[in-house]
N, C-alpha and C. Protein backbone atom coordinates (compact mmCIF):
# COMPACT_ATOMS: atom_id res chain seq x y z
N UNK A 1 -71.25 10.98 -56.38
CA UNK A 1 -70.73 9.70 -56.88
C UNK A 1 -69.78 9.25 -55.59
N UNK A 2 -70.27 7.90 -55.37
CA UNK A 2 -69.67 7.17 -54.33
C UNK A 2 -68.14 6.98 -54.45
N UNK A 3 -67.33 6.84 -53.50
CA UNK A 3 -65.94 6.72 -53.54
C UNK A 3 -65.61 5.40 -54.16
N UNK A 4 -66.27 4.34 -53.94
CA UNK A 4 -65.91 3.14 -54.72
C UNK A 4 -66.02 3.05 -56.14
N UNK A 5 -67.07 3.80 -56.66
CA UNK A 5 -67.18 4.05 -58.20
C UNK A 5 -66.09 4.80 -58.71
N UNK A 6 -65.81 6.04 -58.04
CA UNK A 6 -64.81 6.83 -58.45
C UNK A 6 -63.58 6.12 -58.59
N UNK A 7 -63.13 5.22 -57.61
CA UNK A 7 -62.03 4.45 -57.55
C UNK A 7 -61.90 3.51 -58.66
N UNK A 8 -63.04 2.72 -58.87
CA UNK A 8 -63.02 1.99 -59.96
C UNK A 8 -62.95 2.56 -61.28
N UNK A 9 -63.38 3.68 -61.60
CA UNK A 9 -63.31 4.30 -62.91
C UNK A 9 -61.85 4.87 -63.02
N UNK A 10 -61.29 5.29 -62.01
CA UNK A 10 -59.88 5.89 -62.08
C UNK A 10 -58.89 4.67 -62.30
N UNK A 11 -59.15 3.74 -61.68
CA UNK A 11 -58.44 2.40 -61.83
C UNK A 11 -58.42 1.90 -63.35
N UNK A 12 -59.71 1.89 -63.84
CA UNK A 12 -59.76 1.45 -65.37
C UNK A 12 -59.08 2.45 -66.20
N UNK A 13 -59.09 3.76 -65.95
CA UNK A 13 -58.37 4.71 -66.73
C UNK A 13 -56.89 4.64 -66.61
N UNK A 14 -56.36 4.35 -65.51
CA UNK A 14 -55.12 4.11 -65.21
C UNK A 14 -54.53 2.84 -65.97
N UNK A 15 -55.33 1.74 -66.02
CA UNK A 15 -54.78 0.67 -67.02
C UNK A 15 -54.87 1.07 -68.31
N UNK A 16 -55.84 1.77 -68.87
CA UNK A 16 -55.92 2.29 -70.25
C UNK A 16 -54.72 2.88 -70.61
N UNK A 17 -54.26 3.80 -69.72
CA UNK A 17 -52.95 4.50 -69.90
C UNK A 17 -51.76 3.75 -70.10
N UNK A 18 -51.58 2.70 -69.19
CA UNK A 18 -50.41 1.87 -69.07
C UNK A 18 -50.53 1.05 -70.46
N UNK A 19 -51.64 0.55 -70.82
CA UNK A 19 -51.78 -0.23 -72.15
C UNK A 19 -51.33 0.68 -73.33
N UNK A 20 -51.78 1.89 -73.37
CA UNK A 20 -51.44 2.83 -74.55
C UNK A 20 -49.91 3.02 -74.41
N UNK A 21 -49.38 3.29 -73.29
CA UNK A 21 -47.76 3.45 -73.20
C UNK A 21 -47.12 2.13 -73.70
N UNK A 22 -47.64 1.13 -73.32
CA UNK A 22 -46.95 -0.17 -73.76
C UNK A 22 -47.02 -0.37 -75.16
N UNK A 23 -48.18 -0.07 -75.92
CA UNK A 23 -48.21 -0.17 -77.29
C UNK A 23 -47.20 0.80 -78.01
N UNK A 24 -47.14 2.12 -77.45
CA UNK A 24 -46.25 3.12 -78.00
C UNK A 24 -44.92 2.52 -77.99
N UNK A 25 -44.38 2.00 -76.81
CA UNK A 25 -43.11 1.34 -76.54
C UNK A 25 -42.89 0.32 -77.51
N UNK A 26 -43.76 -0.48 -77.77
CA UNK A 26 -43.45 -1.61 -78.52
C UNK A 26 -43.30 -1.19 -80.14
N UNK A 27 -44.00 -0.09 -80.43
CA UNK A 27 -43.76 0.46 -81.91
C UNK A 27 -42.44 1.01 -81.93
N UNK A 28 -42.00 1.75 -80.85
CA UNK A 28 -40.69 2.35 -80.91
C UNK A 28 -39.63 1.19 -80.98
N UNK A 29 -39.75 0.16 -80.17
CA UNK A 29 -38.78 -0.91 -80.15
C UNK A 29 -38.69 -1.61 -81.55
N UNK A 30 -39.94 -1.76 -82.23
CA UNK A 30 -40.01 -2.48 -83.46
C UNK A 30 -39.33 -1.53 -84.58
N UNK A 31 -39.48 -0.18 -84.44
CA UNK A 31 -39.00 0.64 -85.29
C UNK A 31 -37.50 0.75 -85.47
N UNK A 32 -36.88 0.17 -84.44
CA UNK A 32 -35.39 0.16 -84.46
C UNK A 32 -34.77 -1.22 -85.05
N UNK A 33 -35.73 -1.92 -85.51
CA UNK A 33 -35.25 -3.16 -86.13
C UNK A 33 -35.68 -4.45 -85.38
N UNK A 34 -35.87 -5.31 -86.02
CA UNK A 34 -36.32 -6.72 -85.15
C UNK A 34 -35.10 -7.66 -85.19
N UNK A 35 -34.94 -8.06 -83.95
CA UNK A 35 -33.86 -9.03 -83.80
C UNK A 35 -34.39 -10.42 -84.26
N UNK A 36 -33.56 -11.09 -85.01
CA UNK A 36 -33.97 -12.30 -85.34
C UNK A 36 -33.07 -13.41 -84.88
N UNK A 37 -32.38 -12.94 -83.62
CA UNK A 37 -31.62 -14.01 -83.06
C UNK A 37 -30.12 -14.16 -83.62
N UNK A 38 -29.25 -14.24 -82.87
CA UNK A 38 -27.91 -14.50 -83.35
C UNK A 38 -27.47 -16.00 -83.54
N UNK A 39 -27.14 -16.17 -84.75
CA UNK A 39 -26.92 -17.76 -85.12
C UNK A 39 -25.62 -18.14 -84.08
N UNK A 40 -25.97 -18.77 -82.98
CA UNK A 40 -24.86 -19.16 -82.13
C UNK A 40 -24.16 -18.06 -81.35
N UNK A 41 -24.64 -16.81 -81.40
CA UNK A 41 -23.97 -15.69 -80.93
C UNK A 41 -24.47 -15.35 -79.54
N UNK A 42 -25.73 -15.74 -79.17
CA UNK A 42 -26.33 -15.31 -77.87
C UNK A 42 -27.21 -14.24 -78.22
N UNK A 43 -28.10 -13.79 -77.24
CA UNK A 43 -29.00 -12.86 -77.31
C UNK A 43 -28.43 -11.48 -77.43
N UNK A 44 -27.26 -11.31 -76.55
CA UNK A 44 -26.62 -10.01 -76.59
C UNK A 44 -25.65 -9.53 -77.56
N UNK A 45 -25.16 -10.52 -78.19
CA UNK A 45 -24.03 -10.31 -79.28
C UNK A 45 -24.42 -10.68 -80.73
N UNK A 46 -24.62 -9.74 -81.68
CA UNK A 46 -25.04 -10.27 -83.01
C UNK A 46 -23.88 -11.27 -83.50
N UNK A 47 -24.43 -12.09 -84.45
CA UNK A 47 -23.61 -13.21 -84.94
C UNK A 47 -22.61 -12.44 -85.93
N UNK A 48 -21.34 -13.01 -85.93
CA UNK A 48 -20.36 -12.40 -86.96
C UNK A 48 -20.82 -12.75 -88.21
N UNK A 49 -20.55 -11.85 -89.23
CA UNK A 49 -20.97 -12.11 -90.73
C UNK A 49 -20.06 -13.26 -91.22
N UNK A 50 -20.69 -13.91 -92.25
CA UNK A 50 -19.93 -15.02 -92.83
C UNK A 50 -18.65 -14.17 -93.52
N UNK A 51 -17.58 -14.78 -93.61
CA UNK A 51 -16.31 -14.14 -94.16
C UNK A 51 -16.59 -13.81 -95.71
N UNK A 52 -15.80 -12.77 -96.05
CA UNK A 52 -15.81 -12.43 -97.57
C UNK A 52 -15.22 -13.49 -98.33
N UNK A 53 -15.71 -13.95 -99.47
CA UNK A 53 -15.40 -14.92 -100.31
C UNK A 53 -15.75 -16.26 -99.93
N UNK A 54 -16.24 -16.44 -98.86
CA UNK A 54 -16.94 -17.72 -98.48
C UNK A 54 -18.09 -18.08 -99.22
N UNK A 55 -18.46 -19.44 -99.49
CA UNK A 55 -19.67 -19.89 -100.11
C UNK A 55 -20.85 -19.37 -99.19
N UNK A 56 -21.85 -18.79 -99.99
CA UNK A 56 -23.11 -18.42 -99.23
C UNK A 56 -23.98 -19.73 -99.06
N UNK A 57 -24.90 -19.66 -98.08
CA UNK A 57 -25.53 -20.80 -97.84
C UNK A 57 -26.51 -21.00 -98.83
N UNK A 58 -26.85 -22.37 -99.31
CA UNK A 58 -27.83 -22.76 -100.24
C UNK A 58 -29.27 -22.85 -99.47
N UNK A 59 -30.23 -22.58 -100.11
CA UNK A 59 -31.48 -22.54 -99.63
C UNK A 59 -32.80 -22.89 -100.65
N UNK A 60 -33.74 -23.28 -99.97
CA UNK A 60 -35.00 -23.41 -100.87
C UNK A 60 -36.15 -22.82 -99.98
N UNK A 61 -36.73 -21.66 -100.52
CA UNK A 61 -37.67 -20.77 -99.56
C UNK A 61 -38.87 -20.65 -100.43
N UNK A 62 -40.14 -20.42 -99.61
CA UNK A 62 -41.31 -20.27 -100.40
C UNK A 62 -41.37 -18.79 -100.91
N UNK A 63 -41.90 -18.75 -102.01
CA UNK A 63 -41.93 -17.24 -102.60
C UNK A 63 -43.37 -16.71 -102.17
N UNK A 64 -43.41 -15.36 -101.66
CA UNK A 64 -44.68 -14.74 -101.19
C UNK A 64 -45.53 -14.66 -102.18
N UNK A 65 -46.73 -14.97 -101.91
CA UNK A 65 -47.93 -14.86 -102.92
C UNK A 65 -47.95 -15.86 -103.96
N UNK A 66 -47.09 -16.81 -103.87
CA UNK A 66 -46.97 -18.02 -104.88
C UNK A 66 -46.86 -19.51 -104.32
N UNK A 67 -47.34 -20.32 -105.12
CA UNK A 67 -47.38 -21.72 -104.45
C UNK A 67 -46.01 -22.27 -104.73
N UNK A 68 -44.89 -21.70 -105.21
CA UNK A 68 -43.80 -22.25 -105.51
C UNK A 68 -42.61 -21.74 -104.69
N UNK A 69 -41.39 -22.56 -104.66
CA UNK A 69 -40.38 -22.25 -103.88
C UNK A 69 -39.23 -21.71 -104.79
N UNK A 70 -38.28 -20.87 -104.35
CA UNK A 70 -37.12 -20.38 -104.87
C UNK A 70 -35.99 -21.23 -104.39
N UNK A 71 -35.35 -21.88 -105.30
CA UNK A 71 -34.10 -22.66 -105.03
C UNK A 71 -32.79 -21.77 -105.24
N UNK A 72 -31.83 -21.62 -104.40
CA UNK A 72 -30.86 -20.85 -104.54
C UNK A 72 -29.92 -21.11 -105.76
N UNK A 73 -29.99 -22.60 -106.07
CA UNK A 73 -29.22 -22.97 -107.40
C UNK A 73 -29.70 -22.12 -108.50
N UNK A 74 -30.88 -21.70 -108.45
CA UNK A 74 -31.31 -20.95 -109.85
C UNK A 74 -30.75 -19.61 -109.81
N UNK A 75 -30.15 -19.02 -108.61
CA UNK A 75 -29.64 -17.70 -108.79
C UNK A 75 -28.24 -17.68 -108.96
N UNK A 76 -27.52 -18.79 -109.05
CA UNK A 76 -25.98 -18.77 -109.47
C UNK A 76 -25.83 -18.31 -110.76
N UNK A 77 -24.84 -17.57 -110.98
CA UNK A 77 -24.54 -16.93 -112.24
C UNK A 77 -25.07 -15.50 -112.34
N UNK A 78 -25.75 -15.12 -111.28
CA UNK A 78 -26.30 -13.67 -111.10
C UNK A 78 -25.69 -13.17 -109.86
N UNK A 79 -25.46 -11.84 -109.92
CA UNK A 79 -25.18 -11.16 -108.65
C UNK A 79 -26.44 -11.01 -107.83
N UNK A 80 -26.51 -11.14 -106.64
CA UNK A 80 -27.71 -11.06 -105.77
C UNK A 80 -27.65 -10.18 -104.72
N UNK A 81 -28.59 -9.33 -104.49
CA UNK A 81 -28.71 -8.62 -103.27
C UNK A 81 -29.81 -9.16 -102.52
N UNK A 82 -29.51 -9.87 -101.45
CA UNK A 82 -30.44 -10.57 -100.57
C UNK A 82 -30.70 -9.63 -99.37
N UNK A 83 -31.97 -9.14 -99.24
CA UNK A 83 -32.31 -8.26 -98.20
C UNK A 83 -33.35 -8.76 -97.25
N UNK A 84 -33.03 -8.80 -95.91
CA UNK A 84 -33.86 -9.18 -94.81
C UNK A 84 -34.70 -8.02 -94.25
N UNK A 85 -36.00 -8.14 -94.36
CA UNK A 85 -36.81 -7.18 -93.81
C UNK A 85 -38.03 -7.62 -92.93
N UNK A 86 -38.59 -6.91 -92.27
CA UNK A 86 -39.82 -7.44 -91.33
C UNK A 86 -40.96 -6.40 -91.62
N UNK A 87 -42.26 -6.86 -91.70
CA UNK A 87 -43.28 -6.02 -91.93
C UNK A 87 -43.66 -5.09 -90.82
N UNK A 88 -43.20 -5.09 -89.79
CA UNK A 88 -43.64 -4.30 -88.57
C UNK A 88 -42.30 -3.49 -88.24
N UNK A 89 -41.37 -3.38 -89.22
CA UNK A 89 -40.14 -2.59 -88.87
C UNK A 89 -40.06 -1.28 -89.70
N UNK A 90 -40.21 -0.13 -88.82
CA UNK A 90 -40.33 1.11 -89.61
C UNK A 90 -39.10 1.41 -90.30
N UNK A 91 -37.94 1.07 -89.80
CA UNK A 91 -36.70 1.30 -90.64
C UNK A 91 -36.76 0.45 -91.98
N UNK A 92 -37.19 -0.62 -91.88
CA UNK A 92 -37.34 -1.48 -93.09
C UNK A 92 -38.23 -0.93 -94.15
N UNK A 93 -39.30 -0.35 -93.64
CA UNK A 93 -40.23 0.35 -94.66
C UNK A 93 -39.54 1.55 -95.28
N UNK A 94 -38.83 2.43 -94.57
CA UNK A 94 -38.17 3.46 -95.04
C UNK A 94 -36.97 3.24 -95.91
N UNK A 95 -36.16 2.14 -95.66
CA UNK A 95 -34.93 1.94 -96.32
C UNK A 95 -35.23 0.81 -97.53
N UNK A 96 -36.26 -0.03 -97.54
CA UNK A 96 -36.61 -0.81 -98.69
C UNK A 96 -36.44 -0.25 -100.12
N UNK A 97 -37.17 0.98 -100.22
CA UNK A 97 -37.14 1.54 -101.59
C UNK A 97 -35.59 1.76 -102.04
N UNK A 98 -34.65 2.12 -101.27
CA UNK A 98 -33.41 2.46 -101.58
C UNK A 98 -32.74 1.05 -102.11
N UNK A 99 -33.17 0.00 -101.65
CA UNK A 99 -32.43 -1.31 -101.99
C UNK A 99 -32.65 -1.52 -103.50
N UNK A 100 -33.88 -0.98 -104.13
CA UNK A 100 -34.06 -1.24 -105.46
C UNK A 100 -32.95 -0.31 -106.36
N UNK A 101 -32.65 0.72 -105.86
CA UNK A 101 -31.49 1.64 -106.44
C UNK A 101 -30.23 1.03 -106.22
N UNK A 102 -30.03 0.44 -105.08
CA UNK A 102 -28.62 -0.22 -104.87
C UNK A 102 -28.52 -1.51 -105.69
N UNK A 103 -29.52 -2.19 -105.87
CA UNK A 103 -29.53 -3.36 -106.81
C UNK A 103 -29.18 -2.95 -108.15
N UNK A 104 -29.75 -1.81 -108.62
CA UNK A 104 -29.47 -1.54 -110.08
C UNK A 104 -27.95 -0.84 -110.10
N UNK A 105 -27.54 -0.18 -109.23
CA UNK A 105 -26.14 0.25 -109.18
C UNK A 105 -24.96 -0.88 -109.18
N UNK A 106 -25.37 -1.87 -108.33
CA UNK A 106 -24.44 -3.04 -108.13
C UNK A 106 -24.70 -4.04 -109.17
N UNK A 107 -25.78 -3.96 -110.03
CA UNK A 107 -26.18 -4.87 -111.02
C UNK A 107 -26.48 -6.30 -110.38
N UNK A 108 -27.17 -6.13 -109.45
CA UNK A 108 -27.58 -7.30 -108.72
C UNK A 108 -28.96 -7.55 -108.69
N UNK A 109 -29.57 -8.77 -108.64
CA UNK A 109 -30.89 -9.13 -108.51
C UNK A 109 -31.35 -8.96 -107.11
N UNK A 110 -32.44 -8.00 -106.80
CA UNK A 110 -32.92 -7.95 -105.62
C UNK A 110 -33.69 -8.95 -105.09
N UNK A 111 -33.50 -9.72 -104.18
CA UNK A 111 -34.41 -10.64 -103.41
C UNK A 111 -34.70 -10.27 -102.02
N UNK A 112 -36.02 -9.86 -101.73
CA UNK A 112 -36.38 -9.66 -100.29
C UNK A 112 -36.66 -10.91 -99.65
N UNK A 113 -36.21 -10.91 -98.38
CA UNK A 113 -36.59 -12.02 -97.44
C UNK A 113 -37.51 -11.54 -96.35
N UNK A 114 -38.62 -11.76 -96.31
CA UNK A 114 -39.53 -11.10 -95.25
C UNK A 114 -39.66 -12.07 -94.04
N UNK A 115 -39.31 -11.53 -92.81
CA UNK A 115 -39.64 -12.32 -91.74
C UNK A 115 -40.93 -11.82 -91.10
N UNK A 116 -41.84 -12.76 -90.77
CA UNK A 116 -43.23 -12.42 -90.31
C UNK A 116 -44.25 -13.21 -90.94
N UNK A 117 -45.33 -12.97 -90.55
CA UNK A 117 -46.54 -13.75 -90.99
C UNK A 117 -46.82 -13.34 -92.44
N UNK A 118 -47.10 -14.18 -93.20
CA UNK A 118 -47.30 -14.17 -94.86
C UNK A 118 -48.22 -12.99 -95.14
N UNK A 119 -49.31 -12.95 -94.58
CA UNK A 119 -50.23 -11.88 -94.99
C UNK A 119 -49.58 -10.51 -94.82
N UNK A 120 -48.93 -10.13 -93.61
CA UNK A 120 -48.29 -8.89 -93.54
C UNK A 120 -47.14 -8.61 -94.35
N UNK A 121 -46.34 -9.68 -94.59
CA UNK A 121 -45.20 -9.66 -95.57
C UNK A 121 -45.62 -9.41 -97.01
N UNK A 122 -46.84 -10.00 -97.32
CA UNK A 122 -47.26 -9.75 -98.67
C UNK A 122 -47.76 -8.16 -98.77
N UNK A 123 -48.51 -7.79 -97.80
CA UNK A 123 -48.71 -6.22 -97.70
C UNK A 123 -47.48 -5.43 -97.86
N UNK A 124 -46.65 -5.76 -97.02
CA UNK A 124 -45.28 -4.93 -97.07
C UNK A 124 -44.54 -4.88 -98.25
N UNK A 125 -44.51 -6.11 -98.96
CA UNK A 125 -43.74 -6.17 -100.21
C UNK A 125 -44.61 -5.31 -101.28
N UNK A 126 -45.91 -5.41 -101.31
CA UNK A 126 -46.86 -4.93 -102.35
C UNK A 126 -46.54 -3.42 -102.23
N UNK A 127 -46.36 -2.88 -100.92
CA UNK A 127 -46.29 -1.40 -100.74
C UNK A 127 -44.92 -0.78 -100.93
N UNK A 128 -43.82 -1.51 -100.61
CA UNK A 128 -42.58 -0.95 -100.61
C UNK A 128 -41.58 -1.38 -101.75
N UNK A 129 -41.82 -2.65 -102.13
CA UNK A 129 -41.11 -3.09 -103.33
C UNK A 129 -41.81 -4.10 -104.20
N UNK A 130 -42.79 -3.50 -104.84
CA UNK A 130 -43.77 -4.48 -105.68
C UNK A 130 -43.09 -5.24 -106.85
N UNK A 131 -41.97 -4.63 -107.24
CA UNK A 131 -41.37 -5.43 -108.38
C UNK A 131 -40.30 -6.50 -108.02
N UNK A 132 -40.06 -6.50 -106.77
CA UNK A 132 -38.98 -7.33 -106.16
C UNK A 132 -39.38 -8.86 -106.04
N UNK A 133 -38.48 -9.77 -106.21
CA UNK A 133 -38.88 -11.09 -105.88
C UNK A 133 -38.85 -11.19 -104.34
N UNK A 134 -39.83 -11.80 -103.78
CA UNK A 134 -39.96 -11.80 -102.28
C UNK A 134 -40.15 -13.21 -101.72
N UNK A 135 -39.25 -13.56 -100.78
CA UNK A 135 -39.31 -15.02 -100.20
C UNK A 135 -39.94 -14.70 -98.65
N UNK A 136 -40.57 -15.78 -98.18
CA UNK A 136 -41.04 -15.80 -96.85
C UNK A 136 -40.24 -16.72 -95.93
N UNK A 137 -39.78 -15.93 -94.80
CA UNK A 137 -38.95 -16.57 -93.76
C UNK A 137 -39.62 -16.39 -92.54
N UNK A 138 -40.79 -17.08 -92.16
CA UNK A 138 -41.45 -16.79 -91.04
C UNK A 138 -40.79 -17.08 -89.76
N UNK A 139 -39.82 -18.25 -89.67
CA UNK A 139 -39.22 -18.50 -88.49
C UNK A 139 -37.81 -17.85 -88.32
N UNK A 140 -37.35 -17.16 -89.35
CA UNK A 140 -36.04 -16.51 -89.25
C UNK A 140 -34.88 -17.42 -89.59
N UNK A 141 -35.22 -18.69 -89.92
CA UNK A 141 -34.16 -19.69 -90.16
C UNK A 141 -33.20 -19.37 -91.28
N UNK A 142 -33.77 -18.69 -92.30
CA UNK A 142 -32.89 -18.14 -93.30
C UNK A 142 -32.06 -17.20 -93.06
N UNK A 143 -32.53 -16.22 -92.28
CA UNK A 143 -31.75 -15.02 -91.80
C UNK A 143 -30.61 -15.58 -90.91
N UNK A 144 -31.01 -16.55 -90.14
CA UNK A 144 -29.82 -17.06 -89.33
C UNK A 144 -28.73 -17.68 -90.11
N UNK A 145 -29.08 -18.42 -91.12
CA UNK A 145 -28.11 -18.98 -91.94
C UNK A 145 -27.25 -18.05 -92.50
N UNK A 146 -27.62 -16.83 -93.05
CA UNK A 146 -26.87 -15.97 -93.60
C UNK A 146 -26.18 -14.92 -92.47
N UNK A 147 -26.54 -15.26 -91.22
CA UNK A 147 -26.12 -14.46 -90.15
C UNK A 147 -26.54 -13.05 -90.19
N UNK A 148 -27.67 -12.67 -90.51
CA UNK A 148 -28.43 -11.50 -90.45
C UNK A 148 -29.15 -11.52 -89.19
N UNK A 149 -28.49 -10.84 -88.18
CA UNK A 149 -29.12 -10.95 -86.83
C UNK A 149 -30.19 -10.06 -86.69
N UNK A 150 -30.40 -8.89 -87.51
CA UNK A 150 -31.50 -7.99 -87.20
C UNK A 150 -32.03 -7.55 -88.48
N UNK A 151 -33.25 -7.00 -88.66
CA UNK A 151 -33.80 -6.38 -89.77
C UNK A 151 -33.88 -4.99 -89.56
N UNK A 152 -33.60 -4.25 -90.70
CA UNK A 152 -33.12 -4.53 -92.04
C UNK A 152 -31.72 -4.98 -92.05
N UNK A 153 -31.41 -5.79 -93.04
CA UNK A 153 -29.99 -6.26 -93.34
C UNK A 153 -29.88 -6.78 -94.71
N UNK A 154 -28.66 -6.77 -95.50
CA UNK A 154 -28.55 -7.16 -96.79
C UNK A 154 -27.22 -7.79 -96.86
N UNK A 155 -27.22 -8.76 -97.92
CA UNK A 155 -26.08 -9.53 -98.09
C UNK A 155 -25.98 -9.36 -99.70
N UNK A 156 -24.67 -8.81 -100.21
CA UNK A 156 -24.51 -8.85 -101.62
C UNK A 156 -23.68 -10.18 -101.97
N UNK A 157 -24.08 -11.00 -102.88
CA UNK A 157 -23.40 -12.18 -103.35
C UNK A 157 -22.95 -12.02 -104.69
N UNK A 158 -21.82 -12.57 -105.14
CA UNK A 158 -21.34 -12.63 -106.39
C UNK A 158 -21.94 -13.75 -107.36
N UNK A 159 -21.54 -13.78 -108.59
CA UNK A 159 -22.11 -14.68 -109.49
C UNK A 159 -21.68 -16.10 -108.98
N UNK A 160 -20.72 -16.45 -108.27
CA UNK A 160 -20.21 -17.66 -107.91
C UNK A 160 -20.93 -18.09 -106.55
N UNK A 161 -21.88 -17.41 -106.11
CA UNK A 161 -22.44 -17.44 -104.90
C UNK A 161 -21.74 -17.61 -103.61
N UNK A 162 -20.83 -16.43 -103.74
CA UNK A 162 -20.00 -16.09 -102.54
C UNK A 162 -20.31 -14.77 -101.86
N UNK A 163 -20.02 -14.72 -100.65
CA UNK A 163 -20.25 -13.50 -99.94
C UNK A 163 -19.37 -12.51 -100.46
N UNK A 164 -20.04 -11.20 -100.65
CA UNK A 164 -19.18 -10.09 -101.16
C UNK A 164 -19.08 -9.06 -99.95
N UNK A 165 -20.26 -8.55 -99.56
CA UNK A 165 -20.48 -7.40 -98.56
C UNK A 165 -21.88 -7.67 -97.73
N UNK A 166 -21.78 -7.02 -96.52
CA UNK A 166 -23.07 -7.02 -95.76
C UNK A 166 -23.42 -5.67 -95.78
N UNK A 167 -24.66 -5.33 -95.58
CA UNK A 167 -25.19 -3.87 -95.52
C UNK A 167 -26.18 -3.66 -94.53
N UNK A 168 -26.22 -2.50 -94.03
CA UNK A 168 -27.27 -2.16 -93.06
C UNK A 168 -27.64 -0.70 -93.31
N UNK A 169 -28.91 -0.32 -92.90
CA UNK A 169 -29.32 1.22 -93.06
C UNK A 169 -28.28 1.94 -91.96
N UNK A 170 -28.00 3.18 -92.31
CA UNK A 170 -27.17 4.08 -91.36
C UNK A 170 -28.21 4.98 -90.64
N UNK A 171 -29.35 5.28 -91.24
CA UNK A 171 -30.26 6.06 -90.61
C UNK A 171 -31.73 5.64 -91.09
N UNK A 172 -32.63 6.31 -90.49
CA UNK A 172 -34.13 5.89 -90.73
C UNK A 172 -34.62 6.37 -92.13
N UNK A 173 -33.71 7.19 -92.86
CA UNK A 173 -34.14 7.80 -94.05
C UNK A 173 -33.56 7.02 -95.41
N UNK A 174 -33.12 5.71 -95.18
CA UNK A 174 -33.07 4.87 -96.23
C UNK A 174 -31.54 4.86 -96.71
N UNK A 175 -30.67 5.43 -96.07
CA UNK A 175 -29.32 5.37 -96.52
C UNK A 175 -28.65 4.17 -96.01
N UNK A 176 -27.91 3.35 -96.99
CA UNK A 176 -27.31 2.18 -96.58
C UNK A 176 -25.93 2.22 -96.48
N UNK A 177 -25.24 1.45 -95.90
CA UNK A 177 -23.67 1.36 -95.79
C UNK A 177 -23.51 -0.16 -96.00
N UNK A 178 -22.64 -0.33 -96.80
CA UNK A 178 -21.92 -1.78 -97.16
C UNK A 178 -20.62 -1.90 -96.76
N UNK A 179 -20.22 -3.09 -96.09
CA UNK A 179 -18.88 -3.25 -95.79
C UNK A 179 -18.33 -4.77 -96.07
N UNK A 180 -17.33 -4.87 -96.22
CA UNK A 180 -16.74 -6.20 -96.60
C UNK A 180 -16.26 -6.90 -95.38
N UNK A 181 -16.77 -8.02 -94.99
CA UNK A 181 -16.34 -8.76 -93.76
C UNK A 181 -15.05 -9.24 -94.01
N UNK A 182 -14.29 -9.63 -92.86
CA UNK A 182 -12.99 -10.14 -93.07
C UNK A 182 -13.02 -11.49 -93.81
N UNK A 183 -11.90 -11.63 -94.52
CA UNK A 183 -11.84 -12.97 -95.08
C UNK A 183 -11.49 -13.97 -94.06
N UNK A 184 -11.93 -15.31 -94.27
CA UNK A 184 -11.51 -16.38 -93.27
C UNK A 184 -10.10 -16.57 -93.31
N UNK A 185 -9.65 -16.82 -92.13
CA UNK A 185 -8.24 -17.08 -91.86
C UNK A 185 -8.07 -18.58 -91.73
N UNK A 186 -7.10 -19.34 -92.12
CA UNK A 186 -6.92 -20.70 -92.01
C UNK A 186 -6.51 -20.92 -90.50
N UNK A 187 -7.10 -21.98 -89.93
CA UNK A 187 -6.72 -22.39 -88.68
C UNK A 187 -5.39 -22.93 -88.59
N UNK A 188 -4.42 -22.40 -87.89
CA UNK A 188 -3.07 -23.03 -87.85
C UNK A 188 -2.98 -24.37 -87.25
N UNK A 189 -3.87 -24.56 -86.25
CA UNK A 189 -3.94 -25.87 -85.75
C UNK A 189 -4.23 -26.92 -86.69
N UNK A 190 -5.54 -26.64 -87.41
CA UNK A 190 -5.78 -27.56 -88.49
C UNK A 190 -4.85 -27.79 -89.64
N UNK A 191 -3.75 -27.18 -89.82
CA UNK A 191 -2.91 -27.32 -90.88
C UNK A 191 -1.61 -28.23 -90.47
N UNK A 192 -1.65 -28.74 -89.12
CA UNK A 192 -0.49 -29.53 -88.80
C UNK A 192 -0.73 -30.84 -89.50
């Protein structure tokens, strides 16, 4: 076998190895959660959660698999667990089934907000939360309004559409931890 042929074959094999390693690395990165951008917080720092007791943002978002939109005004009067997930997020897949149990315990209506292409979001919801109401947020704009800077993330809202708690999985096995964000403090300069 001539040297130039051997060199060409080894060069091609080397590139296949590099591409395979890149694919594996991307899968690992996506498995740790998908960054949806910090609302005004910059790429390095996640956005601060909305203060406890503050009004939750209103929205109108498309429902997955349906030709209609869900308006947040229709949810008022109900406790709501708004969960942000991504179809390529391993942790989302592992932790989404636990959200159904959490919504039952908290007596909240589970609304999944899927960030990504509609077809993959539809498949994700059908597989991991087929009974949940699911919204499509392809650009991540809704997640940013709720300051959910990474998927998976969840926001628990009360019946008056106020922020109660934020939640995130603590491990890849679906265990969630919820915490109450600090309440907003009045600006002493603005009170003069």
